[in-house]
C-alpha atoms as a PDB file:
ATOM      1  CA  UNK A   1       0.000   0.000   0.000  1.00  0.00           C
ATOM      2  CA  UNK A   2       1.287   3.437  -0.892  1.00  0.00           C
ATOM      3  CA  UNK A   3       0.898   6.502   1.298  1.00  0.00           C
ATOM      4  CA  UNK A   4      -0.076   8.764  -1.591  1.00  0.00           C
ATOM      5  CA  UNK A   5      -2.727  11.301  -0.622  1.00  0.00           C
ATOM      6  CA  UNK A   6      -6.135  10.518  -2.026  1.00  0.00           C
ATOM      7  CA  UNK A   7      -8.595  12.801  -3.737  1.00  0.00           C
ATOM      8  CA  UNK A   8     -10.910  14.100  -1.036  1.00  0.00           C
ATOM      9  CA  UNK A   9     -14.659  14.247  -0.688  1.00  0.00           C
ATOM     10  CA  UNK A  10     -15.910  17.736  -1.518  1.00  0.00           C
ATOM     11  CA  UNK A  11     -19.242  19.493  -1.799  1.00  0.00           C
ATOM     12  CA  UNK A  12     -20.185  21.276  -5.007  1.00  0.00           C
ATOM     13  CA  UNK A  13     -19.576  24.643  -3.360  1.00  0.00           C
ATOM     14  CA  UNK A  14     -16.081  23.572  -2.223  1.00  0.00           C
ATOM     15  CA  UNK A  15     -15.203  22.414  -5.756  1.00  0.00           C
ATOM     16  CA  UNK A  16     -16.425  25.760  -7.141  1.00  0.00           C
ATOM     17  CA  UNK A  17     -14.264  27.613  -4.586  1.00  0.00           C
ATOM     18  CA  UNK A  18     -11.184  25.602  -5.663  1.00  0.00           C
ATOM     19  CA  UNK A  19     -11.937  26.265  -9.342  1.00  0.00           C
ATOM     20  CA  UNK A  20     -12.408  29.993  -8.614  1.00  0.00           C
ATOM     21  CA  UNK A  21      -8.945  29.971  -7.048  1.00  0.00           C
ATOM     22  CA  UNK A  22      -7.653  28.524 -10.335  1.00  0.00           C
ATOM     23  CA  UNK A  23      -9.171  31.331 -12.407  1.00  0.00           C
ATOM     24  CA  UNK A  24     -12.650  29.986 -13.136  1.00  0.00           C
ATOM     25  CA  UNK A  25     -15.745  32.145 -12.721  1.00  0.00           C
ATOM     26  CA  UNK A  26     -19.244  31.083 -11.676  1.00  0.00           C
ATOM     27  CA  UNK A  27     -21.235  32.214 -14.712  1.00  0.00           C
ATOM     28  CA  UNK A  28     -24.659  30.748 -13.938  1.00  0.00           C
ATOM     29  CA  UNK A  29     -26.616  27.969 -12.309  1.00  0.00           C
ATOM     30  CA  UNK A  30     -28.706  25.572 -14.366  1.00  0.00           C
ATOM     31  CA  UNK A  31     -30.918  23.458 -12.130  1.00  0.00           C
ATOM     32  CA  UNK A  32     -28.683  21.676  -9.622  1.00  0.00           C
ATOM     33  CA  UNK A  33     -25.509  22.392 -11.618  1.00  0.00           C
ATOM     34  CA  UNK A  34     -23.230  25.398 -11.199  1.00  0.00           C
ATOM     35  CA  UNK A  35     -21.566  26.313 -14.498  1.00  0.00           C
ATOM     36  CA  UNK A  36     -17.925  27.360 -14.041  1.00  0.00           C
ATOM     37  CA  UNK A  37     -16.002  28.939 -16.895  1.00  0.00           C
ATOM     38  CA  UNK A  38     -12.451  30.049 -17.643  1.00  0.00           C
ATOM     39  CA  UNK A  39     -11.301  32.011 -20.691  1.00  0.00           C
ATOM     40  CA  UNK A  40      -7.928  30.917 -22.087  1.00  0.00           C
ATOM     41  CA  UNK A  41      -5.760  32.027 -24.989  1.00  0.00           C
ATOM     42  CA  UNK A  42      -7.136  29.166 -27.092  1.00  0.00           C
ATOM     43  CA  UNK A  43     -10.817  29.421 -26.078  1.00  0.00           C
ATOM     44  CA  UNK A  44     -13.109  28.865 -23.147  1.00  0.00           C
ATOM     45  CA  UNK A  45     -13.239  25.943 -20.704  1.00  0.00           C
ATOM     46  CA  UNK A  46     -16.718  25.282 -19.317  1.00  0.00           C
ATOM     47  CA  UNK A  47     -17.181  22.845 -16.427  1.00  0.00           C
ATOM     48  CA  UNK A  48     -20.551  21.914 -14.904  1.00  0.00           C
ATOM     49  CA  UNK A  49     -20.329  21.222 -11.145  1.00  0.00           C
ATOM     50  CA  UNK A  50     -23.249  19.476  -9.402  1.00  0.00           C
ATOM     51  CA  UNK A  51     -24.353  21.505  -6.371  1.00  0.00           C
ATOM     52  CA  UNK A  52     -24.490  18.475  -4.061  1.00  0.00           C
ATOM     53  CA  UNK A  53     -23.355  17.983  -0.464  1.00  0.00           C
ATOM     54  CA  UNK A  54     -20.964  15.241  -1.635  1.00  0.00           C
ATOM     55  CA  UNK A  55     -19.631  14.864  -5.160  1.00  0.00           C
ATOM     56  CA  UNK A  56     -18.922  11.272  -6.189  1.00  0.00           C
ATOM     57  CA  UNK A  57     -15.282  10.432  -6.897  1.00  0.00           C
ATOM     58  CA  UNK A  58     -15.884   9.647 -10.593  1.00  0.00           C
ATOM     59  CA  UNK A  59     -17.689  12.956 -11.063  1.00  0.00           C
ATOM     60  CA  UNK A  60     -14.866  14.819  -9.318  1.00  0.00           C
ATOM     61  CA  UNK A  61     -12.279  13.090 -11.531  1.00  0.00           C
ATOM     62  CA  UNK A  62     -14.289  14.163 -14.590  1.00  0.00           C
ATOM     63  CA  UNK A  63     -14.388  17.776 -13.315  1.00  0.00           C
ATOM     64  CA  UNK A  64     -10.598  17.685 -12.766  1.00  0.00           C
ATOM     65  CA  UNK A  65     -10.057  16.289 -16.292  1.00  0.00           C
ATOM     66  CA  UNK A  66     -12.395  18.819 -17.949  1.00  0.00           C
ATOM     67  CA  UNK A  67     -10.925  21.788 -16.061  1.00  0.00           C
ATOM     68  CA  UNK A  68      -7.307  20.826 -16.696  1.00  0.00           C
ATOM     69  CA  UNK A  69      -6.622  21.303 -12.963  1.00  0.00           C
ATOM     70  CA  UNK A  70      -3.994  19.267 -11.118  1.00  0.00           C
ATOM     71  CA  UNK A  71      -5.278  16.477  -8.893  1.00  0.00           C
ATOM     72  CA  UNK A  72      -3.159  17.921  -6.081  1.00  0.00           C
ATOM     73  CA  UNK A  73      -5.637  20.827  -5.867  1.00  0.00           C
ATOM     74  CA  UNK A  74      -8.259  18.312  -4.728  1.00  0.00           C
ATOM     75  CA  UNK A  75      -6.304  16.382  -2.071  1.00  0.00           C
ATOM     76  CA  UNK A  76      -7.443  16.367   1.559  1.00  0.00           C
END
């Protein structure tokens, strides 16, 4: 067993706060999803974040992949 830190359990609001720290902006809410967006030199990255108390690990991994963020930003 390795002692590598694991991706933590976060709420939707916590994930949005982390993404805001990485330059994303909360542009709107569509139902239970908060739409986060970041403008880059090559275009715009849009990431939907479910506004749930606990985001499932697979969903969080998808958010990390879509946003281009490092997994280390989501370690507990």
